[in-house]
Amino acid sequence: MKASILIAVFFLTSMNVAIAENLKTNKRLYQSCAGCHGVNGEGNESLNAPALSIFSTWYLERQIRNFNQGLRENHPGDDLLSISDEDIQPLAHYIAEKTAVSTKPTILGNIERGEFVYQHCLSCHGEFAEGDEDVSTPRLSGQYDWYLLQELIKFKRGFRGKHPDDLYGAQMMEAAMMFDEDMLRDAVVYISALEIESDD
């Protein structure tokens, strides 16, 4: 009986040590991101850094790989490119576990027209722009509106999604090109309102 208890205590202790070590490692890995994206993944407009804490593990993992493989330009820095393949998933999980930020709308536009534009996005990104892993679309609600608009314009102008291996980026580029930039702005205004409504 005592032997069984000692074995159980040993395994629990070992497990706790392993968890603590993993957390320490992931926290160290995140330091290369925190300088721009913030300690809690809250983002920083002055550094053009979006909030990361709203994203799911699978999406963060994909985007880190995209930067590492050159599918996305303007990579965050050499520190990100030095992250090994085996560290990407734990890092993505560590970020996704952080509490999502609360953002406030800063962009003005025509919300009614934005609702019309968003109907073309709804089937993939969801009614409340919550995203859908099954169709590989990220959450949009809760993200800074300035960042959403910036990225939509990049897609429209062909700056993002042009890499031949960036299949999901190519889909977004095609979708963004359906609308002029004022309409994309309106869509962002609508998405920001959805985030507020879904919190009620």
Protein backbone atom coordinates (compact mmCIF):
# COMPACT_ATOMS: atom_id res chain seq x y z
CA MET A 1 0.00 0.00 0.00
CA LYS A 2 2.75 2.41 1.01
CA ALA A 3 4.70 1.49 -2.12
CA SER A 4 1.68 2.31 -4.31
CA ILE A 5 1.28 5.68 -2.61
CA LEU A 6 4.97 6.47 -3.05
CA ILE A 7 4.82 5.54 -6.74
CA ALA A 8 1.75 7.73 -7.24
CA VAL A 9 3.43 10.65 -5.46
CA PHE A 10 6.55 10.16 -7.59
CA PHE A 11 4.60 10.24 -10.84
CA LEU A 12 2.54 13.26 -9.79
CA THR A 13 5.68 15.11 -8.75
CA SER A 14 7.41 14.22 -12.01
CA MET A 15 4.36 15.36 -13.97
CA ASN A 16 4.23 18.69 -12.14
CA VAL A 17 7.94 19.23 -12.74
CA ALA A 18 7.50 18.48 -16.45
CA ILE A 19 4.55 20.88 -16.71
CA ALA A 20 6.52 23.61 -14.95
CA GLU A 21 9.51 23.06 -17.24
CA ASN A 22 7.31 23.18 -20.35
CA LEU A 23 5.68 26.39 -19.17
CA LYS A 24 9.10 27.91 -18.51
CA THR A 25 10.31 26.90 -21.98
CA ASN A 26 7.20 28.25 -23.72
CA LYS A 27 7.44 31.50 -21.78
CA ARG A 28 11.05 31.83 -22.92
CA LEU A 29 10.05 31.16 -26.53
CA TYR A 30 7.35 33.82 -26.31
CA GLN A 31 9.84 36.49 -25.27
CA SER A 32 10.73 36.92 -28.94
CA CYS A 33 7.08 37.85 -29.57
CA ALA A 34 6.31 39.82 -26.41
CA GLY A 35 8.45 42.81 -27.37
CA CYS A 36 5.93 43.74 -30.06
CA HIS A 37 2.76 41.80 -29.25
CA GLY A 38 2.84 42.40 -25.50
CA VAL A 39 3.29 40.14 -22.50
CA ASN A 40 -0.32 38.98 -22.74
CA GLY A 41 -0.56 38.93 -26.53
CA GLU A 42 -2.57 42.14 -26.46
CA GLY A 43 -0.86 43.70 -29.49
CA ASN A 44 0.50 47.20 -30.03
CA GLU A 45 -0.73 49.53 -32.76
CA SER A 46 2.37 51.74 -32.58
CA LEU A 47 4.44 48.68 -33.55
CA ASN A 48 1.87 47.46 -36.08
CA ALA A 49 1.46 44.32 -33.98
CA PRO A 50 -1.99 42.67 -33.84
CA ALA A 51 -3.50 40.94 -30.84
CA LEU A 52 -2.47 37.29 -30.78
CA SER A 53 -4.52 36.21 -27.78
CA ILE A 54 -7.76 36.00 -29.79
CA PHE A 55 -6.41 33.28 -32.07
CA SER A 56 -6.64 29.51 -31.71
CA THR A 57 -3.61 27.25 -31.49
CA TRP A 58 -4.07 25.81 -35.00
CA TYR A 59 -4.18 29.25 -36.63
CA LEU A 60 -1.19 30.60 -34.72
CA GLU A 61 0.76 27.48 -35.62
CA ARG A 62 -0.06 27.91 -39.31
CA GLN A 63 0.93 31.56 -39.37
CA ILE A 64 4.23 30.97 -37.57
CA ARG A 65 5.03 28.29 -40.14
CA ASN A 66 4.00 30.64 -42.95
CA PHE A 67 6.44 33.26 -41.71
CA ASN A 68 9.19 30.68 -41.26
CA GLN A 69 8.68 29.29 -44.76
CA GLY A 70 8.43 32.68 -46.44
CA LEU A 71 4.75 32.40 -47.34
CA ARG A 72 4.15 35.69 -45.56
CA GLU A 73 6.40 38.67 -46.08
CA ASN A 74 7.41 41.29 -43.53
CA HIS A 75 8.18 38.63 -40.95
CA PRO A 76 8.25 39.82 -37.31
CA GLY A 77 11.98 39.26 -36.90
CA ASP A 78 14.87 36.85 -36.93
CA ASP A 79 13.91 35.52 -33.48
CA LEU A 80 10.72 34.06 -34.91
CA LEU A 81 12.58 32.49 -37.81
CA SER A 82 14.91 30.75 -35.35
CA ILE A 83 12.06 28.83 -33.69
CA SER A 84 12.35 25.13 -34.46
CA ASP A 85 9.50 23.09 -35.93
CA GLU A 86 9.12 21.15 -32.69
CA ASP A 87 8.68 24.38 -30.71
CA ILE A 88 6.01 25.91 -32.94
CA GLN A 89 3.03 23.97 -31.59
CA PRO A 90 3.88 24.49 -27.89
CA LEU A 91 4.47 28.19 -28.52
CA ALA A 92 1.16 28.53 -30.38
CA HIS A 93 -0.65 26.74 -27.56
CA TYR A 94 0.98 29.00 -24.95
CA ILE A 95 -0.23 32.11 -26.78
CA ALA A 96 -3.73 30.75 -27.37
CA GLU A 97 -4.11 30.07 -23.64
CA LYS A 98 -3.81 33.77 -22.86
CA THR A 99 -6.97 35.77 -22.14
CA ALA A 100 -8.28 37.53 -25.23
CA VAL A 101 -8.03 41.30 -25.20
CA SER A 102 -10.99 43.65 -25.23
CA THR A 103 -10.78 46.04 -28.18
CA LYS A 104 -12.74 49.17 -29.00
CA PRO A 105 -13.78 50.35 -32.48
CA THR A 106 -11.64 53.15 -33.90
CA ILE A 107 -12.75 53.14 -37.54
CA LEU A 108 -15.87 54.85 -38.85
CA GLY A 109 -17.93 53.61 -41.76
CA ASN A 110 -21.31 52.49 -43.04
CA ILE A 111 -22.31 49.57 -40.84
CA GLU A 112 -25.34 48.69 -42.99
CA ARG A 113 -23.19 48.34 -46.08
CA GLY A 114 -20.66 46.50 -43.96
CA GLU A 115 -23.32 43.95 -43.07
CA PHE A 116 -23.97 43.42 -46.79
CA VAL A 117 -20.27 42.89 -47.48
CA TYR A 118 -19.90 40.51 -44.55
CA GLN A 119 -22.59 38.22 -45.95
CA HIS A 120 -19.88 37.10 -48.39
CA CYS A 121 -17.62 36.23 -45.43
CA LEU A 122 -20.18 34.66 -43.12
CA SER A 123 -20.14 31.13 -44.54
CA CYS A 124 -16.45 30.76 -43.68
CA HIS A 125 -15.83 33.10 -40.73
CA GLY A 126 -19.14 32.52 -38.95
CA GLU A 127 -22.13 34.59 -37.91
CA PHE A 128 -20.18 36.41 -35.21
CA ALA A 129 -16.82 36.28 -37.03
CA GLU A 130 -15.76 33.58 -34.59
CA GLY A 131 -13.86 31.59 -37.21
CA ASP A 132 -14.11 27.89 -38.02
CA GLU A 133 -11.26 25.41 -37.81
CA ASP A 134 -13.13 22.99 -40.08
CA VAL A 135 -12.73 25.40 -42.99
CA SER A 136 -9.44 26.86 -41.69
CA THR A 137 -10.75 30.37 -41.09
CA PRO A 138 -9.52 32.40 -38.10
CA ARG A 139 -11.53 34.37 -35.61
CA LEU A 140 -11.91 38.02 -36.61
CA SER A 141 -14.06 39.34 -33.77
CA GLY A 142 -12.02 40.89 -31.00
CA GLN A 143 -9.15 41.83 -33.29
CA TYR A 144 -8.19 45.48 -33.66
CA ASP A 145 -10.15 47.08 -36.48
CA TRP A 146 -7.07 48.92 -37.78
CA TYR A 147 -5.32 45.58 -38.23
CA LEU A 148 -8.27 43.91 -39.96
CA LEU A 149 -8.55 46.79 -42.43
CA GLN A 150 -4.80 46.85 -43.02
CA GLU A 151 -4.71 43.14 -43.84
CA LEU A 152 -7.80 43.27 -46.06
CA ILE A 153 -6.20 46.05 -48.07
CA LYS A 154 -3.00 44.00 -48.35
CA PHE A 155 -5.05 41.12 -49.74
CA LYS A 156 -6.88 43.40 -52.15
CA ARG A 157 -3.68 44.98 -53.44
CA GLY A 158 -1.97 41.61 -53.80
CA PHE A 159 0.65 42.20 -51.12
CA ARG A 160 -0.57 39.25 -49.05
CA GLY A 161 -1.67 35.89 -50.39
CA LYS A 162 0.50 36.05 -53.50
CA HIS A 163 2.85 33.21 -52.58
CA PRO A 164 1.92 30.14 -54.68
CA ASP A 165 1.93 27.91 -51.58
CA ASP A 166 -0.30 30.21 -49.52
CA LEU A 167 -3.60 28.60 -50.50
CA TYR A 168 -5.70 30.22 -47.78
CA GLY A 169 -4.10 33.59 -48.44
CA ALA A 170 -4.97 33.25 -52.12
CA GLN A 171 -8.61 32.63 -51.19
CA MET A 172 -8.66 35.78 -49.09
CA MET A 173 -6.97 37.78 -51.83
CA GLU A 174 -9.66 36.71 -54.28
CA ALA A 175 -12.42 37.56 -51.80
CA ALA A 176 -11.00 40.99 -50.96
CA MET A 177 -10.72 41.93 -54.62
CA MET A 178 -14.51 41.70 -54.94
CA PHE A 179 -14.91 44.98 -53.06
CA ASP A 180 -13.45 48.46 -53.09
CA GLU A 181 -11.49 49.67 -50.08
CA ASP A 182 -14.37 51.73 -48.69
CA MET A 183 -16.54 48.61 -48.64
CA LEU A 184 -13.79 46.67 -46.89
CA ARG A 185 -13.67 49.43 -44.29
CA ASP A 186 -17.42 49.10 -43.80
CA ALA A 187 -17.06 45.34 -43.36
CA VAL A 188 -14.51 45.93 -40.60
CA VAL A 189 -16.88 48.35 -38.88
CA TYR A 190 -19.56 45.67 -38.97
CA ILE A 191 -17.20 42.99 -37.62
CA SER A 192 -16.22 45.27 -34.73
CA ALA A 193 -19.89 45.73 -33.88
CA LEU A 194 -20.40 41.96 -33.96
CA GLU A 195 -17.70 41.54 -31.34
CA ILE A 196 -19.52 43.97 -29.05
CA GLU A 197 -22.92 42.35 -29.59
CA SER A 198 -21.64 38.81 -29.01
CA ASP A 199 -20.28 39.84 -25.61
CA ASP A 200 -23.71 40.93 -24.34
